[in-house]
């Protein structure tokens, strides 16, 4: 039996299950080249069918989520919503825009899901599917937060855990608490969207001119540049109250925005970001700690747009009553399609545990690579996996950055190692060149670090509360290795860490780096230009190489070395 999960709003994509196995999952943005794509994932559906060599008629169970009025309006009036989405992604002149046009946004946010929203959404999705030759299928609805929670819980290592969603909004809810107990999965608590901490973060990020789609605006990084004020001096501490397992907002969204804007205008960007981050960490950590105490379960799986805030994740990890944590890749709305499919399969087959790997996207043949190289007139040479890893490590240890394209696409909107740019973790000059040539990040943004599992205890203050294999956790660096990781360090001497313990291509690369440098660590960022989507096919990779004038790329057993270029 095939189950197809469809998400058709911000971070749109699909996921396909077959006989209790996750076989394919991808986000639409890699095909349309629209960052955080928000339209119906037609290209992703076609890719899933092609990958599994099946027809639309072979799929009889399809599931969707998202019947908030805001989501429904984006489906029914796509042209009118385009300007809003495009504006938010540009993150410019935000205060002027909000003062004139944002009333419609607040109006939608004050409305709750209804039967009309459900019927309009079902009709729109059925119409798009029938246009793609889907005829004999059952269309199911799953609550947005249930999809988030199922994705985290069912791919976690836990048989029993709390699955807590920390979102901006979805189907009338901003946060929820589920309990997984072997084959039983049930909701035990929720926070209405009026009390949303995620929307509070979005509003604050918008005021600062930060692009906060899917919670990735970087407000937590900016806040590190503020003087560390006492929480007693925080001007925002009265906006939310966490009582027991509830969160309560003082104002509605419109009044909250006005209050935030007035505070922001009277303070530096860094101080305002610090106050926002401090309030978020205080309220959410208190909420999660209360949930752990109330339900007596110390293992926690987290999901939702808010868990892309790495400083918050560190605060949660350090809770005394939290035993173990887990955050899946693509934990925001980009992972909703897989969560939908997993939850529906739970309802049909009572399946709650899966063998999970994030390598769920497309993979391309050698012929596709050779054809793309000829199109861009680039000379490539074949290398075996071990020689390629040693070659790449030698270049990195010599102070170069390299482009890295290996295997199936990761199911994530940041790099986990299959579509990456790697650079030395200690070389500030290489970091500067990488930023100038390709990434062009804001001045306060930093890059994650990938570290061999057997090196991580020596380099960062790691613990046994969870495995950072998907790069979703922030750790403080050890003082005696700060110079070895200064290219990936935040100003507070922390870094977002991904641990690697497999003998895959990235593992072999890190082992080769360790052989020469004494430690297995490398700066890892996604293979893309600034504010662009991760490359998809080999032609995309060669295009990026040509446009950035990059000198070195390692692509599925082939090595590309230009006579001149940036490195």
Protein backbone atom coordinates (compact mmCIF):
# COMPACT_ATOMS: atom_id res chain seq x y z
CA UNK A 1 0.00 0.00 0.00
CA UNK A 2 1.28 3.44 -0.95
CA UNK A 3 0.59 6.51 1.20
CA UNK A 4 1.33 9.93 -0.26
CA UNK A 5 1.69 12.91 2.07
CA UNK A 6 1.21 16.34 0.50
CA UNK A 7 2.05 19.73 2.00
CA UNK A 8 1.13 22.68 -0.22
CA UNK A 9 2.12 25.77 1.74
CA UNK A 10 5.42 27.29 2.91
CA UNK A 11 8.07 24.56 2.62
CA UNK A 12 5.80 22.51 0.33
CA UNK A 13 6.74 18.97 -0.57
CA UNK A 14 5.72 15.32 -0.59
CA UNK A 15 6.57 12.04 1.13
CA UNK A 16 5.82 8.52 -0.03
CA UNK A 17 5.43 5.41 2.13
CA UNK A 18 5.15 1.86 0.82
CA UNK A 19 4.35 -1.12 3.05
CA UNK A 20 5.44 0.62 6.25
CA UNK A 21 8.68 1.94 4.70
CA UNK A 22 9.66 5.53 3.99
CA UNK A 23 10.77 5.42 0.36
CA UNK A 24 10.90 9.04 -0.85
CA UNK A 25 10.56 12.57 0.51
CA UNK A 26 11.49 15.88 -1.07
CA UNK A 27 10.65 19.60 -0.99
CA UNK A 28 9.29 21.43 -4.00
CA UNK A 29 11.81 24.28 -3.77
CA UNK A 30 14.65 22.26 -5.30
CA UNK A 31 12.65 22.03 -8.54
CA UNK A 32 11.14 25.53 -8.71
CA UNK A 33 14.22 27.30 -7.26
CA UNK A 34 11.87 29.36 -5.06
CA UNK A 35 13.24 29.38 -1.51
CA UNK A 36 10.59 28.06 0.93
CA UNK A 37 8.23 27.33 -1.97
CA UNK A 38 4.58 27.73 -0.95
CA UNK A 39 2.69 26.32 -3.96
CA UNK A 40 1.24 22.90 -4.79
CA UNK A 41 4.14 20.40 -5.06
CA UNK A 42 3.42 19.10 -8.55
CA UNK A 43 7.09 18.60 -9.43
CA UNK A 44 7.73 16.70 -6.21
CA UNK A 45 4.79 14.38 -6.87
CA UNK A 46 6.12 13.61 -10.35
CA UNK A 47 9.59 12.96 -8.93
CA UNK A 48 8.19 10.55 -6.31
CA UNK A 49 6.25 8.58 -8.93
CA UNK A 50 9.28 8.43 -11.21
CA UNK A 51 11.64 7.36 -8.44
CA UNK A 52 9.36 4.46 -7.42
CA UNK A 53 8.47 3.64 -11.03
CA UNK A 54 4.75 3.79 -10.34
CA UNK A 55 1.72 5.56 -11.77
CA UNK A 56 -0.71 7.91 -10.07
CA UNK A 57 -3.30 5.14 -10.17
CA UNK A 58 -1.08 2.99 -7.92
CA UNK A 59 -1.61 5.35 -4.97
CA UNK A 60 -4.90 4.99 -3.13
CA UNK A 61 -4.20 6.82 0.16
CA UNK A 62 -3.36 10.54 0.10
CA UNK A 63 -3.17 12.83 3.13
CA UNK A 64 -2.91 16.59 3.67
CA UNK A 65 -2.95 19.08 6.56
CA UNK A 66 -3.37 22.81 7.08
CA UNK A 67 -6.93 24.17 7.11
CA UNK A 68 -6.22 27.42 8.90
CA UNK A 69 -7.96 30.31 7.09
CA UNK A 70 -4.51 31.69 6.18
CA UNK A 71 -3.52 28.41 4.48
CA UNK A 72 -6.93 28.14 2.82
CA UNK A 73 -6.69 31.66 1.41
CA UNK A 74 -3.28 30.88 -0.10
CA UNK A 75 -4.86 27.96 -1.98
CA UNK A 76 -8.05 29.70 -3.08
CA UNK A 77 -6.45 33.08 -3.88
CA UNK A 78 -2.87 32.16 -4.82
CA UNK A 79 -2.23 35.30 -6.86
CA UNK A 80 -3.24 37.62 -4.02
CA UNK A 81 -1.00 35.75 -1.58
CA UNK A 82 2.06 35.91 -3.84
CA UNK A 83 2.89 39.52 -2.96
CA UNK A 84 2.71 38.79 0.76
CA UNK A 85 5.02 35.78 0.59
CA UNK A 86 7.49 37.44 -1.76
CA UNK A 87 7.64 40.50 0.44
CA UNK A 88 8.32 38.50 3.61
CA UNK A 89 11.12 36.56 1.90
CA UNK A 90 12.81 39.80 0.85
CA UNK A 91 12.67 41.14 4.42
CA UNK A 92 12.90 44.80 3.43
CA UNK A 93 10.98 47.92 4.55
CA UNK A 94 9.02 45.67 6.86
CA UNK A 95 7.71 48.28 9.28
CA UNK A 96 6.12 50.39 6.53
CA UNK A 97 4.48 47.34 4.97
CA UNK A 98 3.02 46.10 8.22
CA UNK A 99 1.53 49.45 9.11
CA UNK A 100 -0.43 49.63 5.83
CA UNK A 101 -1.24 46.13 4.64
CA UNK A 102 -0.77 43.65 7.43
CA UNK A 103 -4.32 44.08 8.78
CA UNK A 104 -5.44 41.26 6.45
CA UNK A 105 -2.81 38.95 7.95
CA UNK A 106 -4.01 39.70 11.49
CA UNK A 107 -7.61 39.21 10.42
CA UNK A 108 -6.80 35.73 9.13
CA UNK A 109 -4.81 34.88 12.25
CA UNK A 110 -7.78 35.74 14.47
CA UNK A 111 -9.93 33.19 12.62
CA UNK A 112 -10.00 29.48 13.42
CA UNK A 113 -10.32 26.47 11.09
CA UNK A 114 -13.85 25.71 9.95
CA UNK A 115 -15.85 23.27 7.83
CA UNK A 116 -15.72 25.83 5.03
CA UNK A 117 -11.92 25.84 5.17
CA UNK A 118 -11.90 22.04 5.14
CA UNK A 119 -14.24 21.79 2.16
CA UNK A 120 -12.46 24.50 0.17
CA UNK A 121 -9.08 22.85 0.81
CA UNK A 122 -10.31 19.37 -0.07
CA UNK A 123 -11.85 20.66 -3.28
CA UNK A 124 -8.70 22.50 -4.30
CA UNK A 125 -6.39 19.53 -3.58
CA UNK A 126 -8.69 17.03 -5.29
CA UNK A 127 -8.82 19.22 -8.35
CA UNK A 128 -5.02 19.48 -8.57
CA UNK A 129 -4.62 15.72 -8.07
CA UNK A 130 -7.20 14.80 -10.70
CA UNK A 131 -5.42 17.13 -13.11
CA UNK A 132 -2.34 14.91 -12.51
CA UNK A 133 -4.35 11.72 -13.28
CA UNK A 134 -5.02 10.69 -9.69
CA UNK A 135 -8.49 9.17 -9.83
CA UNK A 136 -9.19 6.33 -7.39
CA UNK A 137 -7.84 7.61 -4.09
CA UNK A 138 -8.99 8.26 -0.55
CA UNK A 139 -8.16 11.78 0.64
CA UNK A 140 -7.47 12.14 4.37
CA UNK A 141 -6.90 15.09 6.67
CA UNK A 142 -4.35 15.11 9.52
CA UNK A 143 -4.03 17.98 11.99
CA UNK A 144 -0.90 20.03 11.31
CA UNK A 145 0.52 19.60 14.82
CA UNK A 146 -0.25 15.86 14.82
CA UNK A 147 1.87 15.57 11.67
CA UNK A 148 4.76 17.45 13.32
CA UNK A 149 4.51 15.29 16.43
CA UNK A 150 4.27 11.99 14.55
CA UNK A 151 7.33 12.80 12.42
CA UNK A 152 9.45 13.49 15.49
CA UNK A 153 8.18 10.63 17.64
CA UNK A 154 8.07 7.88 15.00
CA UNK A 155 11.58 8.53 13.67
CA UNK A 156 13.08 8.95 17.16
CA UNK A 157 15.00 6.21 19.04
CA UNK A 158 12.36 6.27 21.80
CA UNK A 159 9.67 3.68 22.47
CA UNK A 160 8.14 6.00 25.04
CA UNK A 161 8.50 9.78 24.95
CA UNK A 162 6.84 13.16 24.93
CA UNK A 163 6.53 14.58 21.44
CA UNK A 164 6.29 18.36 21.77
CA UNK A 165 5.61 20.66 18.82
CA UNK A 166 6.80 24.28 19.01
CA UNK A 167 5.30 26.00 15.99
CA UNK A 168 4.06 29.40 14.86
CA UNK A 169 0.57 28.14 13.98
CA UNK A 170 -1.16 25.29 12.22
CA UNK A 171 -4.81 24.24 12.28
CA UNK A 172 -5.59 26.61 15.14
CA UNK A 173 -2.75 25.41 17.37
CA UNK A 174 0.74 26.81 18.03
CA UNK A 175 2.15 24.06 20.26
CA UNK A 176 1.07 20.61 21.35
CA UNK A 177 2.09 17.70 23.55
CA UNK A 178 1.71 14.06 22.50
CA UNK A 179 2.72 10.89 24.29
CA UNK A 180 4.18 7.94 22.40
CA UNK A 181 4.00 4.71 24.40
CA UNK A 182 5.00 1.82 22.13
CA UNK A 183 1.98 1.38 19.81
CA UNK A 184 -0.11 4.13 21.40
CA UNK A 185 0.13 7.77 20.33
CA UNK A 186 -2.21 10.38 21.78
CA UNK A 187 -2.47 14.12 22.31
CA UNK A 188 -2.50 15.30 25.92
CA UNK A 189 -2.15 19.06 25.56
CA UNK A 190 -2.14 22.03 23.19
CA UNK A 191 -1.56 25.79 23.04
CA UNK A 192 -3.93 27.86 20.90
CA UNK A 193 -2.40 30.03 18.20
CA UNK A 194 -3.42 33.25 19.99
CA UNK A 195 -0.73 32.37 22.53
CA UNK A 196 1.91 31.51 19.95
CA UNK A 197 5.56 32.01 20.85
CA UNK A 198 6.42 31.15 17.22
CA UNK A 199 4.36 34.05 15.88
CA UNK A 200 5.98 36.29 18.52
CA UNK A 201 9.40 35.31 17.11
CA UNK A 202 8.14 35.93 13.55
CA UNK A 203 6.90 39.41 14.46
CA UNK A 204 10.14 40.34 16.19
CA UNK A 205 12.22 39.01 13.28
CA UNK A 206 10.13 40.96 10.78
CA UNK A 207 10.64 44.17 12.75
CA UNK A 208 14.39 43.54 12.64
CA UNK A 209 14.26 42.93 8.88
CA UNK A 210 15.22 39.25 9.25
CA UNK A 211 13.78 36.59 6.99
CA UNK A 212 12.11 34.27 9.47
CA UNK A 213 10.36 31.82 7.15
CA UNK A 214 10.37 28.47 8.96
CA UNK A 215 12.02 30.08 11.98
CA UNK A 216 15.45 30.47 10.37
CA UNK A 217 15.85 34.23 10.65
CA UNK A 218 18.91 34.14 12.90
CA UNK A 219 17.55 36.30 15.71
CA UNK A 220 19.27 34.05 18.25
CA UNK A 221 22.64 34.67 16.59
CA UNK A 222 22.10 38.44 16.50
CA UNK A 223 21.15 38.40 20.19
CA UNK A 224 24.61 37.10 21.09
CA UNK A 225 26.07 40.51 20.21
CA UNK A 226 24.14 42.27 22.97
CA UNK A 227 25.41 42.97 26.46
CA UNK A 228 23.99 40.12 28.65
CA UNK A 229 21.28 41.94 30.60
CA UNK A 230 19.49 40.45 33.60
CA UNK A 231 16.03 39.01 32.92
CA UNK A 232 14.70 41.51 35.48
CA UNK A 233 15.62 44.25 33.00
CA UNK A 234 13.89 42.54 30.07
CA UNK A 235 11.22 44.87 28.66
CA UNK A 236 9.29 41.96 27.10
CA UNK A 237 8.99 39.63 30.09
CA UNK A 238 5.35 40.55 30.69
CA UNK A 239 4.20 39.49 27.20
CA UNK A 240 3.86 35.79 28.02
CA UNK A 241 3.17 33.73 31.09
CA UNK A 242 3.83 30.01 31.39
CA UNK A 243 1.64 28.39 34.04
CA UNK A 244 1.94 24.63 34.36
CA UNK A 245 1.61 23.14 30.89
CA UNK A 246 -0.01 26.27 29.45
CA UNK A 247 1.32 29.39 27.73
CA UNK A 248 -0.68 32.62 27.77
CA UNK A 249 -0.12 35.77 25.71
CA UNK A 250 -0.94 39.17 27.19
CA UNK A 251 -1.98 40.78 23.87
CA UNK A 252 -3.50 39.74 20.58
CA UNK A 253 -1.14 39.68 17.58
CA UNK A 254 -1.89 43.19 16.33
CA UNK A 255 -1.37 44.81 19.73
CA UNK A 256 1.66 42.61 20.35
CA UNK A 257 3.24 43.84 17.11
CA UNK A 258 2.64 47.48 18.06
CA UNK A 259 4.19 46.90 21.48
CA UNK A 260 7.22 45.14 19.96
CA UNK A 261 7.74 47.86 17.35
CA UNK A 262 7.72 50.58 20.00
CA UNK A 263 10.33 48.72 22.08
CA UNK A 264 12.48 48.02 19.00
CA UNK A 265 12.57 51.69 17.98
CA UNK A 266 13.96 52.65 21.41
CA UNK A 267 16.76 50.06 21.50
CA UNK A 268 19.59 48.72 19.38
CA UNK A 269 18.86 45.74 17.14
CA UNK A 270 21.14 43.57 19.30
CA UNK A 271 19.42 44.54 22.58
CA UNK A 272 15.96 44.02 21.10
CA UNK A 273 16.97 40.60 19.73
CA UNK A 274 18.46 39.72 23.14
CA UNK A 275 15.23 40.55 24.97
CA UNK A 276 13.16 38.53 22.48
CA UNK A 277 15.48 35.52 22.69
CA UNK A 278 15.60 35.68 26.48
CA UNK A 279 11.80 35.73 26.72
CA UNK A 280 11.46 32.81 24.28
CA UNK A 281 13.99 30.70 26.17
CA UNK A 282 12.43 31.45 29.55
CA UNK A 283 8.84 30.66 28.53
CA UNK A 284 9.54 27.58 26.40
CA UNK A 285 12.01 25.97 28.81
CA UNK A 286 9.57 26.47 31.69
CA UNK A 287 6.75 24.97 29.57
CA UNK A 288 8.76 21.89 28.58
CA UNK A 289 10.06 21.35 32.11
CA UNK A 290 6.47 21.46 33.40
CA UNK A 291 5.36 18.93 30.76
CA UNK A 292 8.15 16.55 31.77
CA UNK A 293 7.19 16.83 35.44
CA UNK A 294 3.45 16.48 34.79
CA UNK A 295 3.67 13.36 32.62
CA UNK A 296 6.75 11.84 34.23
CA UNK A 297 8.54 11.25 30.92
CA UNK A 298 12.07 12.63 30.49
CA UNK A 299 12.67 11.59 26.86
CA UNK A 300 11.46 14.36 24.54
CA UNK A 301 11.14 14.54 20.74
CA UNK A 302 10.83 18.10 19.42
CA UNK A 303 9.47 19.47 16.15
CA UNK A 304 7.95 22.60 14.63
CA UNK A 305 9.34 25.80 13.17
CA UNK A 306 10.61 27.10 16.52
CA UNK A 307 13.17 24.31 16.97
CA UNK A 308 15.36 25.86 14.27
CA UNK A 309 16.32 28.32 17.04
CA UNK A 310 19.56 26.70 18.14
CA UNK A 311 20.11 28.74 21.30
CA UNK A 312 16.65 27.68 22.47
CA UNK A 313 17.51 24.05 21.75
CA UNK A 314 20.62 24.34 23.94
CA UNK A 315 18.52 25.80 26.78
CA UNK A 316 16.06 22.90 26.47
CA UNK A 317 18.86 20.32 26.38
CA UNK A 318 20.27 21.71 29.62
CA UNK A 319 17.02 21.26 31.55
CA UNK A 320 17.79 19.13 34.59
CA UNK A 321 14.70 16.94 34.27
CA UNK A 322 15.21 16.24 30.54
CA UNK A 323 16.88 12.84 30.08
CA UNK A 324 17.21 12.60 26.31
CA UNK A 325 16.22 14.74 23.33
CA UNK A 326 15.63 14.11 19.62
CA UNK A 327 15.00 16.51 16.73
CA UNK A 328 14.51 15.12 13.20
CA UNK A 329 15.91 16.79 10.09
CA UNK A 330 13.56 19.22 8.31
CA UNK A 331 11.77 19.63 11.63
CA UNK A 332 9.73 22.68 10.54
CA UNK A 333 6.96 22.85 7.97
CA UNK A 334 9.31 21.41 5.35
CA UNK A 335 8.88 18.03 7.07
CA UNK A 336 5.10 18.15 7.36
CA UNK A 337 4.45 15.92 4.31
CA UNK A 338 6.35 13.03 5.90
CA UNK A 339 4.63 13.60 9.24
CA UNK A 340 1.22 13.45 7.53
CA UNK A 341 2.05 10.14 5.88
CA UNK A 342 3.43 8.66 9.10
CA UNK A 343 0.38 9.69 11.12
CA UNK A 344 -2.04 8.27 8.55
CA UNK A 345 -0.10 4.99 8.52
CA UNK A 346 -0.40 4.95 12.32
CA UNK A 347 -4.18 5.29 12.04
CA UNK A 348 -4.37 2.53 9.40
CA UNK A 349 -1.67 0.08 10.52
CA UNK A 350 -0.74 1.20 14.09
CA UNK A 351 2.88 1.65 12.94
CA UNK A 352 4.92 3.88 15.25
CA UNK A 353 8.60 3.03 14.59
CA UNK A 354 10.64 3.29 11.40
CA UNK A 355 14.18 2.75 10.21
CA UNK A 356 14.99 6.31 9.22
CA UNK A 357 17.65 7.99 7.13
CA UNK A 358 17.45 11.58 5.82
CA UNK A 359 18.72 10.50 2.38
CA UNK A 360 15.26 10.31 0.85
CA UNK A 361 15.50 12.40 -2.32
CA UNK A 362 16.76 11.87 -5.83
CA UNK A 363 20.08 10.42 -6.97
CA UNK A 364 21.57 10.92 -10.41
CA UNK A 365 23.51 8.59 -12.68
CA UNK A 366 27.06 8.93 -13.98
CA UNK A 367 25.63 9.67 -17.43
CA UNK A 368 23.73 12.66 -16.02
CA UNK A 369 26.95 13.96 -14.46
CA UNK A 370 28.95 13.49 -17.67
CA UNK A 371 26.26 15.17 -19.78
CA UNK A 372 26.13 18.17 -17.41
CA UNK A 373 29.93 18.51 -17.41
CA UNK A 374 29.96 18.63 -21.21
CA UNK A 375 27.25 21.29 -21.20
CA UNK A 376 29.40 23.51 -18.98
CA UNK A 377 32.64 22.46 -20.69
CA UNK A 378 34.27 21.30 -17.46
CA UNK A 379 36.89 18.55 -17.35
CA UNK A 380 36.21 15.79 -14.83
CA UNK A 381 38.17 12.75 -13.67
CA UNK A 382 37.05 9.54 -12.01
CA UNK A 383 38.28 8.77 -8.47
CA UNK A 384 37.35 5.96 -6.09
CA UNK A 385 35.68 6.90 -2.81
CA UNK A 386 38.77 6.55 -0.61
CA UNK A 387 41.06 8.50 -2.94
CA UNK A 388 38.44 11.21 -3.39
CA UNK A 389 38.05 11.62 0.38
CA UNK A 390 41.82 11.87 0.84
CA UNK A 391 42.11 14.34 -2.05
CA UNK A 392 39.32 16.57 -0.69
CA UNK A 393 40.81 16.44 2.83
CA UNK A 394 44.21 17.54 1.52
CA UNK A 395 42.64 20.57 -0.19
CA UNK A 396 40.63 21.52 2.93
CA UNK A 397 43.61 21.16 5.26
CA UNK A 398 45.57 23.37 2.84
CA UNK A 399 43.06 26.20 3.37
CA UNK A 400 40.64 25.69 0.46
CA UNK A 401 36.88 25.34 0.34
CA UNK A 402 35.35 22.64 -1.88
CA UNK A 403 31.94 21.81 -3.37
CA UNK A 404 30.60 18.38 -2.38
CA UNK A 405 27.76 16.51 -4.13
CA UNK A 406 27.21 12.88 -3.11
CA UNK A 407 24.42 10.30 -3.25
CA UNK A 408 20.72 10.91 -2.67
CA UNK A 409 19.37 14.32 -1.76
CA UNK A 410 18.86 14.93 1.97
CA UNK A 411 15.35 15.59 3.25
CA UNK A 412 16.30 18.90 4.78
CA UNK A 413 16.53 22.58 3.86
CA UNK A 414 20.08 22.82 5.16
CA UNK A 415 23.08 20.65 4.44
CA UNK A 416 23.56 17.30 6.14
CA UNK A 417 26.49 16.31 3.94
CA UNK A 418 25.09 15.20 0.60
CA UNK A 419 24.94 18.68 -0.99
CA UNK A 420 27.55 20.73 0.87
CA UNK A 421 30.31 23.26 0.75
CA UNK A 422 33.15 22.27 3.08
CA UNK A 423 35.90 24.52 4.43
CA UNK A 424 38.51 24.34 7.22
CA UNK A 425 36.98 24.76 10.66
CA UNK A 426 39.88 26.96 11.83
CA UNK A 427 40.71 29.15 8.84
CA UNK A 428 39.11 32.60 9.08
CA UNK A 429 40.59 33.71 5.74
CA UNK A 430 38.93 30.79 3.91
CA UNK A 431 35.67 31.64 5.67
CA UNK A 432 35.96 35.23 4.42
CA UNK A 433 36.55 34.05 0.83
CA UNK A 434 33.63 31.61 1.00
CA UNK A 435 31.32 34.38 2.18
CA UNK A 436 32.49 36.78 -0.53
CA UNK A 437 32.44 34.22 -3.36
CA UNK A 438 29.24 32.29 -2.63
CA UNK A 439 27.32 32.61 0.64
CA UNK A 440 27.26 36.37 1.39
CA UNK A 441 25.65 35.84 4.78
CA UNK A 442 24.67 38.63 7.13
CA UNK A 443 27.57 39.73 9.31
CA UNK A 444 26.37 37.92 12.44
CA UNK A 445 25.54 34.57 10.81
CA UNK A 446 27.83 31.59 11.33
CA UNK A 447 28.17 28.15 9.76
CA UNK A 448 27.66 24.71 11.37
CA UNK A 449 30.45 22.21 11.91
CA UNK A 450 30.45 18.48 11.09
CA UNK A 451 32.54 16.45 13.55
CA UNK A 452 33.51 12.80 13.69
CA UNK A 453 31.74 11.09 16.55
CA UNK A 454 35.04 9.96 18.08
CA UNK A 455 36.35 13.57 18.04
CA UNK A 456 33.30 15.38 19.37
CA UNK A 457 34.04 14.91 23.09
CA UNK A 458 37.47 16.48 22.62
CA UNK A 459 36.20 19.53 20.71
CA UNK A 460 32.88 20.55 22.30
CA UNK A 461 31.07 20.18 25.62
CA UNK A 462 29.07 17.23 24.37
CA UNK A 463 26.82 15.06 26.54
CA UNK A 464 24.89 11.81 26.26
CA UNK A 465 21.43 13.41 26.23
CA UNK A 466 21.04 13.08 22.47
CA UNK A 467 22.73 12.48 19.13
CA UNK A 468 23.36 15.62 17.05
CA UNK A 469 23.50 13.63 13.79
CA UNK A 470 21.09 16.02 12.03
CA UNK A 471 22.78 19.28 13.00
CA UNK A 472 19.94 20.53 15.19
CA UNK A 473 21.82 21.32 18.40
CA UNK A 474 24.13 24.07 19.63
CA UNK A 475 27.10 23.24 21.90
CA UNK A 476 29.74 25.30 23.66
CA UNK A 477 33.27 24.76 22.36
CA UNK A 478 36.06 23.57 24.59
CA UNK A 479 38.51 26.33 25.37
CA UNK A 480 41.62 24.36 24.44
CA UNK A 481 40.22 23.71 20.93
CA UNK A 482 38.67 27.11 20.29
CA UNK A 483 41.39 28.00 17.76
CA UNK A 484 40.67 24.76 15.86
CA UNK A 485 37.00 25.76 15.46
CA UNK A 486 37.16 29.54 15.24
CA UNK A 487 35.73 29.61 11.67
CA UNK A 488 32.52 27.95 12.92
CA UNK A 489 32.26 29.66 16.30
CA UNK A 490 29.61 32.10 17.37
CA UNK A 491 30.69 35.04 19.48
CA UNK A 492 29.62 33.18 22.63
CA UNK A 493 32.03 30.36 21.68
CA UNK A 494 29.30 27.94 20.68
CA UNK A 495 28.58 26.22 17.39
CA UNK A 496 25.84 24.21 15.73
CA UNK A 497 27.19 20.66 15.59
CA UNK A 498 26.48 17.68 13.34
CA UNK A 499 28.04 14.39 14.46
CA UNK A 500 29.16 11.80 11.91
CA UNK A 501 29.88 8.17 12.80
CA UNK A 502 29.19 6.32 9.54
CA UNK A 503 31.60 5.07 6.89
CA UNK A 504 29.84 7.08 4.22
CA UNK A 505 31.57 9.60 1.96
CA UNK A 506 31.46 12.35 4.60
CA UNK A 507 32.75 9.99 7.28
CA UNK A 508 35.68 9.01 5.08
CA UNK A 509 36.42 12.68 4.39
CA UNK A 510 36.46 13.54 8.11
CA UNK A 511 38.71 10.57 8.89
CA UNK A 512 41.16 11.81 6.24
CA UNK A 513 41.01 15.33 7.71
CA UNK A 514 41.69 13.93 11.17
CA UNK A 515 44.68 11.95 9.91
CA UNK A 516 46.36 15.18 8.79
CA UNK A 517 45.11 17.70 11.38
CA UNK A 518 44.61 15.58 14.49
CA UNK A 519 40.86 16.20 14.74
CA UNK A 520 37.94 15.33 12.46
CA UNK A 521 35.98 18.56 11.94
CA UNK A 522 34.96 20.64 8.93
CA UNK A 523 32.83 23.73 8.30
CA UNK A 524 29.68 22.52 6.54
CA UNK A 525 27.15 24.70 4.74
CA UNK A 526 24.58 23.92 2.08
CA UNK A 527 25.55 23.83 -1.61
CA UNK A 528 23.74 26.98 -2.68
CA UNK A 529 24.07 30.70 -3.18
CA UNK A 530 22.84 33.06 -0.46
CA UNK A 531 19.04 32.91 -0.04
CA UNK A 532 18.82 30.26 -2.78
CA UNK A 533 17.76 26.63 -2.72
CA UNK A 534 20.16 23.71 -2.39
CA UNK A 535 21.25 22.39 -5.79
CA UNK A 536 19.25 19.50 -7.19
CA UNK A 537 20.65 17.79 -10.29
CA UNK A 538 24.27 17.77 -11.53
CA UNK A 539 23.50 20.60 -13.93
CA UNK A 540 22.57 22.79 -10.93
CA UNK A 541 25.88 21.92 -9.28
CA UNK A 542 27.93 22.78 -12.34
CA UNK A 543 25.98 26.02 -12.79
CA UNK A 544 26.83 27.07 -9.22
CA UNK A 545 30.46 26.14 -9.81
CA UNK A 546 30.62 28.23 -12.96
CA UNK A 547 28.76 31.27 -11.56
CA UNK A 548 30.77 31.32 -8.31
CA UNK A 549 34.04 30.59 -10.14
CA UNK A 550 34.71 27.83 -7.60
CA UNK A 551 37.82 25.78 -8.30
CA UNK A 552 37.12 22.35 -6.78
CA UNK A 553 34.11 20.02 -6.76
CA UNK A 554 33.71 16.36 -5.83
CA UNK A 555 30.58 14.86 -7.37
CA UNK A 556 29.57 11.19 -7.03
CA UNK A 557 33.02 9.71 -7.66
CA UNK A 558 34.12 12.40 -10.11
CA UNK A 559 36.57 15.19 -9.34
CA UNK A 560 36.37 18.57 -11.05
CA UNK A 561 39.44 20.81 -10.82
CA UNK A 562 39.64 24.05 -12.76
CA UNK A 563 42.99 25.58 -13.68
CA UNK A 564 41.95 28.86 -12.07
CA UNK A 565 39.15 29.93 -9.80
CA UNK A 566 38.16 30.66 -6.21
CA UNK A 567 38.98 28.26 -3.41
